[in-house]
Amino acid sequence: MTEWEAVIGLEVHVQLATRSKIFSRAATTFGEYPNSNANAVDIALPGVLPVLNGEAVRMAIKFGLAIDAEIASSCRFDRKNYFYPDLPKGYQISQLDQPIVGRGTLPIFFGDGSIREIGITRAHLEEDAGKSIHTAYDGLTGIDLNRAGTPLLEIVSEPELHSAAEAAAYFRELHGLVTTLEICDGNLNEGSMRCDANISIRPKGAVILGERTEIKNVNSFRFVERALKYEIDRQIAVLESGGKVVLETRLYDSERDETRSMRSKESSDDYRYFPDPDLLPVEIPDELIESVRVTMPELPTAKRNRYIHELGLTDYEAGRLIEDPHGARYFDAVAELSVNAKLSANWILGNVAAALNRDEISFVNVPIAPDQLGTLLKRIQDETITGKIAKSIFELLWTEGGSVDGIIESQGLRQLDNTGELEGVVSQIISDFPDQVGQFREGKEKILGFFVGQVMKATNGKANPKQVNEILRRELRA
């Protein structure tokens, strides 16, 4: 059997987080009543003229700086002509051969600690189309133009990805970058990032690319991976049966977990591009680029390196923490207050992440402020409370609020470290379990954990574990 290699390139449409559209004053708010966010420019009334949103330009420059790309000193807008009901002008304003952002690179990180630099061919500004709604009216299609004119940054990768997992990792890394830069809210459910995947198959070691297909509008990390995995298997099956892969656009059906043919693939000639006569070329002076540069935050790659090399976290912990920039900021604040990065990471990736998942909320809405979680972890470290008590306090903070120290005092949760009192509890436990005492004295020291558990149960989890272990060993060996 021939060994095959997949060649994948992604075109990711990032909705820029501007308050108004790219060529009009209409709002970009999601979920408004159909067509309520579409003004005369968006619905293409005769005589209206587009006016470029300068904030979209600044956001594109910010992205270009983050991937160390070439920023054009001058760029141009073009008309991309096609005819859909949700494109009222009959063309889309985009950028063809003079994009605002040129070649750059994006590193992607894998669970085994390896890193790959993926080339980015270009990133260009364009407007979004409206939306055709096929389910609202029986036998009819409705048109909602609220999205028409929404600013997009289309980010085109080099065809350097070779598996579905790599493509999903690239999409996830890109998501983390644009949300860290705060140029996109990253809400995949609302379509703030959508991915078109171009994929072809060739014999391993071959230089010439095979015929490609394009999978349109995939909007989740999981679906990118599943769609590409299906399409890779499908193309291999076609080639191994003696068939030919057809150049076409395909749709991913998540319910059936399959791709289906939509239409034949268009070429740039089909779109009849030409410069938009209503928009002048955009000049980008060095001063503008430098003014954007000073607003750059700590980028995910630098943050990851800091977490690993300065704070002592593992590759896995650092990777998980930087997936969500809000989560990373929360961690930074907690770690600074608790003065223990490892403990902070364990709690955030464990207890906090589990509670967020259970309540289906994000780090933006964490009910425990970083200073309170930081204080809770400090109370574990200074042995005011035990780890078990800390978990019960965490749940109270999550559901009812309050302060850590206030809960400790009002509920009498301070760690029990009175030696005489603990010795009394230990003596009673030893007296109650003579068989287990005999096993310990016969050399089965693992049973010490049983005694620790009994002491913690007797003290409602408030006994100092370190003291308990010391007293138990001394008394059991007596």
Protein backbone atom coordinates (compact mmCIF):
# COMPACT_ATOMS: atom_id res chain seq x y z
CA MET A 1 0.00 0.00 0.00
CA THR A 2 1.21 3.51 -0.80
CA GLU A 3 2.01 5.69 2.19
CA TRP A 4 0.19 9.00 1.89
CA GLU A 5 0.89 12.49 3.18
CA ALA A 6 -1.76 15.17 3.78
CA VAL A 7 -0.95 18.76 2.85
CA ILE A 8 -3.19 21.29 4.62
CA GLY A 9 -3.47 25.06 4.55
CA LEU A 10 -6.01 27.04 6.60
CA GLU A 11 -7.77 30.30 5.79
CA VAL A 12 -9.10 31.65 9.09
CA HIS A 13 -11.61 34.50 9.14
CA VAL A 14 -11.19 36.53 12.33
CA GLN A 15 -13.96 38.98 13.20
CA LEU A 16 -12.27 42.13 14.46
CA ALA A 17 -13.53 43.52 17.75
CA THR A 18 -14.46 46.98 16.49
CA ARG A 19 -17.67 48.61 17.70
CA SER A 20 -18.73 49.56 14.17
CA LYS A 21 -18.39 47.94 10.76
CA ILE A 22 -15.43 48.24 8.46
CA PHE A 23 -17.02 50.69 5.99
CA SER A 24 -20.04 52.06 7.87
CA ARG A 25 -21.14 53.37 11.27
CA ALA A 26 -23.54 50.46 11.90
CA ALA A 27 -22.92 48.46 15.10
CA THR A 28 -21.40 44.98 15.12
CA THR A 29 -23.35 43.74 18.16
CA PHE A 30 -24.20 40.05 17.95
CA GLY A 31 -27.74 38.71 18.30
CA GLU A 32 -29.72 41.84 17.41
CA TYR A 33 -33.10 41.67 15.66
CA PRO A 34 -32.59 40.75 11.96
CA ASN A 35 -31.49 43.70 9.79
CA SER A 36 -31.54 46.15 12.71
CA ASN A 37 -27.74 46.62 12.45
CA ALA A 38 -27.73 47.27 8.70
CA ASN A 39 -27.65 50.84 7.44
CA ALA A 40 -27.76 52.37 3.97
CA VAL A 41 -24.12 51.45 3.24
CA ASP A 42 -24.58 47.83 4.37
CA ILE A 43 -27.67 47.25 2.24
CA ALA A 44 -26.05 49.00 -0.76
CA LEU A 45 -28.54 51.75 -1.46
CA PRO A 46 -27.64 53.70 -4.63
CA GLY A 47 -25.13 56.52 -4.13
CA VAL A 48 -23.72 55.44 -0.76
CA LEU A 49 -19.93 55.38 -0.30
CA PRO A 50 -17.75 53.28 2.03
CA VAL A 51 -15.53 54.97 4.64
CA LEU A 52 -12.70 52.84 6.10
CA ASN A 53 -12.73 52.16 9.85
CA GLY A 54 -9.25 53.13 11.08
CA GLU A 55 -9.51 50.85 14.13
CA ALA A 56 -9.69 47.80 11.83
CA VAL A 57 -6.43 48.93 10.23
CA ARG A 58 -4.74 49.27 13.64
CA MET A 59 -5.93 45.80 14.67
CA ALA A 60 -4.54 44.28 11.47
CA ILE A 61 -1.19 45.96 12.13
CA LYS A 62 -1.22 44.61 15.69
CA PHE A 63 -1.64 41.08 14.37
CA GLY A 64 1.14 41.60 11.83
CA LEU A 65 3.54 42.72 14.57
CA ALA A 66 2.61 39.68 16.69
CA ILE A 67 3.65 37.23 13.94
CA ASP A 68 6.73 39.27 13.00
CA ALA A 69 5.29 39.89 9.53
CA GLU A 70 5.87 42.47 6.86
CA ILE A 71 3.46 45.40 7.29
CA ALA A 72 2.63 47.04 3.96
CA SER A 73 3.55 50.71 3.63
CA SER A 74 0.61 50.93 1.23
CA CYS A 75 -2.30 48.54 0.69
CA ARG A 76 -5.38 48.53 -1.53
CA PHE A 77 -8.98 47.31 -1.48
CA ASP A 78 -10.49 45.33 -4.36
CA ARG A 79 -13.94 44.21 -5.40
CA LYS A 80 -14.53 40.46 -5.37
CA ASN A 81 -17.59 39.86 -7.55
CA TYR A 82 -20.09 37.11 -6.86
CA PHE A 83 -23.84 36.93 -6.56
CA TYR A 84 -25.51 35.59 -3.43
CA PRO A 85 -28.75 36.92 -1.90
CA ASP A 86 -26.90 37.90 1.32
CA LEU A 87 -24.37 40.04 -0.60
CA PRO A 88 -26.47 43.09 -1.52
CA LYS A 89 -23.80 44.95 -3.51
CA GLY A 90 -23.08 41.96 -5.74
CA TYR A 91 -19.44 42.14 -4.66
CA GLN A 92 -17.37 41.92 -1.49
CA ILE A 93 -14.72 44.51 -0.64
CA SER A 94 -11.52 42.58 0.05
CA GLN A 95 -7.76 42.75 -0.70
CA LEU A 96 -6.21 40.73 -3.51
CA ASP A 97 -2.57 41.45 -4.38
CA GLN A 98 -1.81 44.28 -1.93
CA PRO A 99 -2.75 42.94 1.54
CA ILE A 100 -2.03 44.91 4.71
CA VAL A 101 -0.01 42.06 6.31
CA GLY A 102 2.58 40.00 4.43
CA ARG A 103 4.59 36.91 5.37
CA GLY A 104 5.02 35.93 8.99
CA THR A 105 5.22 32.85 11.23
CA LEU A 106 3.17 31.32 14.03
CA PRO A 107 4.74 28.74 16.38
CA ILE A 108 2.49 25.88 17.41
CA PHE A 109 3.21 23.78 20.49
CA PHE A 110 2.45 20.10 21.01
CA GLY A 111 1.90 18.05 24.14
CA ASP A 112 5.30 16.34 23.83
CA GLY A 113 7.05 19.72 24.10
CA SER A 114 7.90 20.00 20.40
CA ILE A 115 7.39 23.25 18.49
CA ARG A 116 6.73 23.89 14.79
CA GLU A 117 6.91 27.23 13.02
CA ILE A 118 4.04 27.50 10.54
CA GLY A 119 4.37 30.10 7.81
CA ILE A 120 1.61 32.64 7.32
CA THR A 121 1.34 33.78 3.72
CA ARG A 122 -0.70 36.92 4.34
CA ALA A 123 -3.51 38.50 6.33
CA HIS A 124 -5.90 40.89 4.62
CA LEU A 125 -8.89 43.01 5.57
CA GLU A 126 -12.32 42.43 4.12
CA GLU A 127 -16.01 42.77 4.92
CA ASP A 128 -18.30 39.92 5.88
CA ALA A 129 -21.47 39.04 3.97
CA GLY A 130 -24.95 38.76 5.46
CA LYS A 131 -26.62 35.50 6.38
CA SER A 132 -29.21 33.39 4.57
CA ILE A 133 -31.70 31.79 6.99
CA HIS A 134 -33.41 28.69 5.64
CA THR A 135 -35.34 27.53 8.73
CA ALA A 136 -37.40 30.56 9.80
CA TYR A 137 -40.09 30.33 7.10
CA ASP A 138 -41.52 27.19 5.54
CA GLY A 139 -40.33 26.94 1.94
CA LEU A 140 -38.67 30.39 2.02
CA THR A 141 -35.22 31.81 2.74
CA GLY A 142 -34.82 34.90 4.91
CA ILE A 143 -31.94 37.35 4.59
CA ASP A 144 -30.35 38.93 7.68
CA LEU A 145 -27.84 41.67 6.80
CA ASN A 146 -26.70 42.39 10.36
CA ARG A 147 -23.31 40.78 9.60
CA ALA A 148 -22.95 42.52 6.22
CA GLY A 149 -19.93 44.81 6.48
CA THR A 150 -18.57 43.28 9.70
CA PRO A 151 -14.76 43.67 9.64
CA LEU A 152 -12.78 40.49 9.04
CA LEU A 153 -9.08 39.74 8.99
CA GLU A 154 -8.51 36.70 6.77
CA ILE A 155 -5.34 34.88 7.83
CA VAL A 156 -3.90 32.49 5.24
CA SER A 157 -1.36 29.86 6.26
CA GLU A 158 1.24 28.20 4.08
CA PRO A 159 0.36 24.57 3.18
CA GLU A 160 2.66 23.29 5.92
CA LEU A 161 0.26 21.32 8.11
CA HIS A 162 0.26 17.55 7.62
CA SER A 163 -2.41 16.11 9.90
CA ALA A 164 -5.83 16.92 11.28
CA ALA A 165 -4.33 17.23 14.78
CA GLU A 166 -1.72 19.74 13.57
CA ALA A 167 -4.39 21.84 11.88
CA ALA A 168 -6.51 21.89 15.05
CA ALA A 169 -3.43 22.89 17.08
CA TYR A 170 -2.71 25.74 14.65
CA PHE A 171 -6.32 26.97 14.83
CA ARG A 172 -6.18 26.83 18.65
CA GLU A 173 -2.87 28.72 18.75
CA LEU A 174 -4.23 31.38 16.42
CA HIS A 175 -7.32 31.71 18.62
CA GLY A 176 -5.14 32.25 21.68
CA LEU A 177 -3.09 34.88 19.87
CA VAL A 178 -5.95 37.04 18.54
CA THR A 179 -7.77 36.95 21.89
CA THR A 180 -4.57 37.88 23.75
CA LEU A 181 -4.14 40.80 21.35
CA GLU A 182 -7.80 41.70 22.07
CA ILE A 183 -8.51 42.15 18.37
CA CYS A 184 -11.18 39.40 18.47
CA ASP A 185 -13.45 38.09 21.22
CA GLY A 186 -12.78 34.52 20.01
CA ASN A 187 -16.40 33.41 20.48
CA LEU A 188 -16.58 30.42 18.15
CA ASN A 189 -20.28 29.83 18.81
CA GLU A 190 -21.07 33.31 17.48
CA GLY A 191 -18.88 32.89 14.40
CA SER A 192 -16.14 35.25 15.56
CA MET A 193 -13.59 32.84 14.06
CA ARG A 194 -14.34 30.57 11.11
CA CYS A 195 -11.99 28.33 9.22
CA ASP A 196 -11.77 27.23 5.56
CA ALA A 197 -9.46 24.23 5.20
CA ASN A 198 -7.68 23.40 1.93
CA ILE A 199 -6.45 19.83 1.80
CA SER A 200 -4.75 17.54 -0.70
CA ILE A 201 -3.12 14.10 -0.54
CA ARG A 202 0.14 12.96 -2.17
CA PRO A 203 2.45 9.94 -1.85
CA LYS A 204 4.86 10.42 1.03
CA GLY A 205 8.10 11.94 -0.24
CA ALA A 206 6.50 13.43 -3.38
CA VAL A 207 7.06 17.10 -4.22
CA ILE A 208 4.09 17.82 -6.48
CA LEU A 209 0.84 18.58 -4.65
CA GLY A 210 -2.27 16.54 -5.31
CA GLU A 211 -5.63 18.02 -6.29
CA ARG A 212 -7.20 19.85 -3.35
CA THR A 213 -10.62 20.33 -1.88
CA GLU A 214 -11.79 23.13 0.39
CA ILE A 215 -13.93 22.58 3.49
CA LYS A 216 -15.89 25.77 4.22
CA ASN A 217 -16.87 27.51 7.45
CA VAL A 218 -15.77 25.19 10.26
CA ASN A 219 -16.08 26.98 13.60
CA SER A 220 -14.66 24.75 16.34
CA PHE A 221 -11.30 23.16 17.15
CA ARG A 222 -12.91 19.72 17.41
CA PHE A 223 -14.80 20.05 14.13
CA VAL A 224 -11.65 21.19 12.28
CA GLU A 225 -9.91 18.01 13.40
CA ARG A 226 -12.86 15.72 12.68
CA ALA A 227 -13.62 17.28 9.27
CA LEU A 228 -10.02 17.01 8.12
CA LYS A 229 -9.63 13.47 9.41
CA TYR A 230 -12.71 12.42 7.44
CA GLU A 231 -11.54 14.23 4.29
CA ILE A 232 -8.04 12.73 4.50
CA ASP A 233 -9.51 9.23 4.73
CA ARG A 234 -11.97 9.99 1.92
CA GLN A 235 -9.30 11.26 -0.49
CA ILE A 236 -7.00 8.32 0.25
CA ALA A 237 -9.86 5.91 -0.45
CA VAL A 238 -10.60 7.68 -3.77
CA LEU A 239 -6.96 7.50 -4.88
CA GLU A 240 -6.43 3.89 -3.78
CA SER A 241 -9.52 2.81 -5.71
CA GLY A 242 -8.07 4.35 -8.90
CA GLY A 243 -10.24 7.48 -8.85
CA LYS A 244 -9.29 11.17 -8.99
CA VAL A 245 -9.91 13.83 -6.38
CA VAL A 246 -12.06 16.64 -7.83
CA LEU A 247 -11.31 20.32 -7.18
CA GLU A 248 -14.39 21.40 -5.24
CA THR A 249 -15.77 23.13 -2.16
CA ARG A 250 -17.18 20.81 0.51
CA LEU A 251 -19.31 21.27 3.63
CA TYR A 252 -18.72 19.47 6.94
CA ASP A 253 -21.83 17.90 8.51
CA SER A 254 -21.05 17.52 12.22
CA GLU A 255 -24.11 15.35 12.92
CA ARG A 256 -23.10 12.77 10.33
CA ASP A 257 -19.38 13.45 10.80
CA GLU A 258 -18.77 13.66 7.06
CA THR A 259 -17.96 16.18 4.33
CA ARG A 260 -20.30 16.66 1.37
CA SER A 261 -19.84 18.34 -1.97
CA MET A 262 -21.27 21.89 -2.22
CA ARG A 263 -20.06 23.24 -5.57
CA SER A 264 -17.10 23.31 -7.92
CA LYS A 265 -14.22 25.42 -6.65
CA GLU A 266 -13.92 28.96 -8.00
CA SER A 267 -10.62 30.49 -9.10
CA SER A 268 -9.60 34.13 -8.67
CA ASP A 269 -10.54 34.73 -12.34
CA ASP A 270 -14.13 33.72 -11.56
CA TYR A 271 -14.38 36.59 -9.08
CA ARG A 272 -13.25 39.23 -11.60
CA TYR A 273 -11.24 41.22 -9.05
CA PHE A 274 -10.51 44.88 -9.75
CA PRO A 275 -9.48 47.83 -7.52
CA ASP A 276 -12.42 49.41 -5.70
CA PRO A 277 -12.84 52.88 -7.24
CA ASP A 278 -14.61 54.19 -4.12
CA LEU A 279 -11.64 53.59 -1.81
CA LEU A 280 -8.21 55.21 -2.04
CA PRO A 281 -5.06 53.17 -1.36
CA VAL A 282 -4.25 53.13 2.37
CA GLU A 283 -0.87 54.63 3.31
CA ILE A 284 0.59 53.20 6.55
CA PRO A 285 3.34 55.42 7.95
CA ASP A 286 6.02 54.10 10.33
CA GLU A 287 4.62 56.36 13.06
CA LEU A 288 1.32 54.45 12.98
CA ILE A 289 3.08 51.10 13.22
CA GLU A 290 5.16 52.30 16.18
CA SER A 291 2.08 53.67 17.95
CA VAL A 292 0.53 50.20 17.67
CA ARG A 293 3.74 48.47 18.77
CA VAL A 294 3.72 50.20 22.17
CA THR A 295 0.27 48.70 22.90
CA MET A 296 1.42 45.09 22.39
CA PRO A 297 0.76 42.76 25.35
CA GLU A 298 2.94 39.83 26.40
CA LEU A 299 2.45 37.32 23.59
CA PRO A 300 1.49 33.67 24.23
CA THR A 301 4.93 32.31 23.27
CA ALA A 302 6.71 34.67 25.66
CA LYS A 303 4.16 33.93 28.39
CA ARG A 304 4.61 30.18 27.92
CA ASN A 305 8.40 30.51 28.20
CA ARG A 306 8.06 32.63 31.35
CA TYR A 307 5.75 30.10 32.97
CA ILE A 308 8.13 27.23 32.23
CA HIS A 309 11.55 28.82 32.80
CA GLU A 310 10.76 31.37 35.53
CA LEU A 311 7.82 29.85 37.38
CA GLY A 312 8.77 26.18 37.01
CA LEU A 313 5.55 24.96 35.39
CA THR A 314 5.46 21.98 33.03
CA ASP A 315 4.91 22.30 29.27
CA TYR A 316 1.41 20.91 29.79
CA GLU A 317 0.51 23.35 32.58
CA ALA A 318 1.86 26.35 30.68
CA GLY A 319 0.05 25.31 27.50
CA ARG A 320 -3.27 24.88 29.30
CA LEU A 321 -2.99 28.22 31.09
CA ILE A 322 -2.32 30.30 27.99
CA GLU A 323 -5.19 28.78 25.98
CA ASP A 324 -7.49 31.46 27.39
CA PRO A 325 -5.95 34.94 27.90
CA HIS A 326 -8.51 35.68 30.64
CA GLY A 327 -7.42 32.49 32.40
CA ALA A 328 -3.75 33.44 32.05
CA ARG A 329 -4.40 36.87 33.55
CA TYR A 330 -6.33 35.24 36.41
CA PHE A 331 -3.41 32.86 37.04
CA ASP A 332 -0.87 35.71 37.01
CA ALA A 333 -2.85 37.59 39.65
CA VAL A 334 -3.36 34.52 41.87
CA ALA A 335 0.27 33.39 41.60
CA GLU A 336 1.52 36.83 42.58
CA LEU A 337 -0.70 36.91 45.66
CA SER A 338 -0.14 33.31 46.75
CA VAL A 339 3.63 33.46 45.99
CA ASN A 340 3.47 29.84 44.79
CA ALA A 341 3.05 29.43 41.04
CA LYS A 342 2.87 25.63 41.10
CA LEU A 343 0.13 25.53 43.71
CA SER A 344 -1.76 28.29 41.87
CA ALA A 345 -1.57 26.37 38.58
CA ASN A 346 -2.78 23.16 40.23
CA TRP A 347 -5.81 24.89 41.72
CA ILE A 348 -6.72 26.83 38.59
CA LEU A 349 -6.36 23.84 36.26
CA GLY A 350 -8.08 21.60 38.80
CA ASN A 351 -10.72 23.09 41.11
CA VAL A 352 -11.38 26.31 39.18
CA ALA A 353 -11.49 24.67 35.74
CA ALA A 354 -13.81 21.93 37.04
CA ALA A 355 -16.20 24.48 38.54
CA LEU A 356 -16.19 26.55 35.35
CA ASN A 357 -16.98 23.46 33.31
CA ARG A 358 -19.72 22.38 35.73
CA ASP A 359 -21.42 25.79 35.65
CA GLU A 360 -20.73 26.35 31.94
CA ILE A 361 -19.10 29.74 32.42
CA SER A 362 -15.77 31.23 31.35
CA PHE A 363 -12.86 32.89 33.18
CA VAL A 364 -14.46 36.24 32.42
CA ASN A 365 -17.19 35.36 34.96
CA VAL A 366 -15.20 33.55 37.67
CA PRO A 367 -17.11 34.33 40.91
CA ILE A 368 -13.97 34.17 43.09
CA ALA A 369 -11.74 37.22 42.73
CA PRO A 370 -8.01 36.48 42.25
CA ASP A 371 -7.13 38.11 45.59
CA GLN A 372 -9.47 35.72 47.44
CA LEU A 373 -8.10 32.60 45.74
CA GLY A 374 -4.57 33.89 46.36
CA THR A 375 -5.40 34.37 50.06
CA LEU A 376 -6.90 30.87 50.25
CA LEU A 377 -3.67 29.36 48.88
CA LYS A 378 -1.60 31.44 51.31
CA ARG A 379 -3.63 30.02 54.21
CA ILE A 380 -2.77 26.51 53.02
CA GLN A 381 0.92 27.41 52.85
CA ASP A 382 1.07 29.07 56.29
CA GLU A 383 -0.82 26.05 57.69
CA THR A 384 -3.78 28.09 58.90
CA ILE A 385 -6.03 25.52 57.16
CA THR A 386 -5.62 22.09 55.61
CA GLY A 387 -6.03 21.34 51.92
CA LYS A 388 -9.32 19.56 52.65
CA ILE A 389 -10.73 22.57 54.51
CA ALA A 390 -9.51 24.81 51.66
CA LYS A 391 -11.70 22.90 49.22
CA SER A 392 -14.79 23.44 51.36
CA ILE A 393 -13.97 27.16 51.66
CA PHE A 394 -13.51 27.30 47.89
CA GLU A 395 -17.04 25.97 47.36
CA LEU A 396 -18.46 28.54 49.79
CA LEU A 397 -16.62 31.36 48.03
CA TRP A 398 -17.86 30.09 44.66
CA THR A 399 -21.53 29.83 45.62
CA GLU A 400 -21.98 32.44 48.36
CA GLY A 401 -19.02 34.84 48.17
CA GLY A 402 -17.38 36.34 51.23
CA SER A 403 -13.77 36.47 52.34
CA VAL A 404 -11.38 33.63 53.11
CA ASP A 405 -10.33 34.89 56.53
CA GLY A 406 -13.91 35.75 57.44
CA ILE A 407 -15.11 32.21 56.66
CA ILE A 408 -12.20 30.66 58.58
CA GLU A 409 -12.97 32.68 61.71
CA SER A 410 -16.77 32.52 61.59
CA GLN A 411 -16.82 28.72 61.09
CA GLY A 412 -13.86 27.86 63.29
CA LEU A 413 -11.90 26.24 60.48
CA ARG A 414 -8.38 26.95 61.69
CA GLN A 415 -6.06 24.00 61.48
CA LEU A 416 -5.80 21.99 64.70
CA ASP A 417 -2.12 21.98 65.70
CA ASN A 418 -2.31 21.65 69.49
CA THR A 419 0.07 18.77 70.16
CA GLY A 420 -1.62 17.61 73.34
CA GLU A 421 -5.07 17.56 71.74
CA LEU A 422 -3.79 15.71 68.68
CA GLU A 423 -1.98 13.14 70.86
CA GLY A 424 -5.28 12.45 72.59
CA VAL A 425 -7.07 11.86 69.29
CA VAL A 426 -4.25 9.60 68.04
CA SER A 427 -4.29 7.53 71.23
CA GLN A 428 -8.02 6.94 70.87
CA ILE A 429 -7.66 5.91 67.21
CA ILE A 430 -4.84 3.47 68.07
CA SER A 431 -6.99 2.02 70.84
CA ASP A 432 -9.97 1.60 68.46
CA PHE A 433 -8.06 -0.30 65.75
CA PRO A 434 -5.76 -2.90 67.36
CA ASP A 435 -5.70 -5.16 64.28
CA GLN A 436 -4.38 -2.36 62.07
CA VAL A 437 -1.81 -1.47 64.76
CA GLY A 438 -0.55 -5.04 64.62
CA GLN A 439 -0.24 -4.89 60.83
CA PHE A 440 1.81 -1.69 61.06
CA ARG A 441 4.15 -3.20 63.63
CA GLU A 442 4.59 -6.24 61.37
CA GLY A 443 6.07 -3.93 58.74
CA LYS A 444 3.02 -2.95 56.68
CA GLU A 445 3.74 0.77 56.89
CA LYS A 446 1.37 1.66 54.05
CA ILE A 447 -1.47 1.26 56.54
CA LEU A 448 -0.30 4.54 58.10
CA GLY A 449 -2.55 6.27 55.57
CA PHE A 450 -5.53 4.51 57.13
CA PHE A 451 -4.70 5.99 60.55
CA VAL A 452 -4.15 9.47 59.08
CA GLY A 453 -7.59 9.25 57.46
CA GLN A 454 -9.19 8.27 60.76
CA VAL A 455 -7.58 11.18 62.59
CA MET A 456 -8.64 13.64 59.88
CA LYS A 457 -12.18 12.25 60.06
CA ALA A 458 -12.24 12.61 63.84
CA THR A 459 -11.08 16.25 63.61
CA ASN A 460 -13.34 17.16 60.66
CA GLY A 461 -10.31 17.60 58.44
CA LYS A 462 -8.76 20.28 60.66
CA ALA A 463 -5.74 18.37 62.00
CA ASN A 464 -2.30 19.40 60.78
CA PRO A 465 -1.33 16.48 58.48
CA LYS A 466 2.39 16.88 59.15
CA GLN A 467 1.93 16.74 62.93
CA VAL A 468 -0.51 13.85 62.62
CA ASN A 469 2.05 11.80 60.68
CA GLU A 470 4.79 12.53 63.23
CA ILE A 471 2.62 11.66 66.24
CA LEU A 472 1.22 8.51 64.60
CA ARG A 473 4.67 7.16 63.73
CA ARG A 474 5.94 7.83 67.24
CA GLU A 475 2.94 6.26 68.98
CA LEU A 476 2.63 3.25 66.67
CA ARG A 477 6.30 2.40 67.19
CA ALA A 478 6.13 2.86 70.94
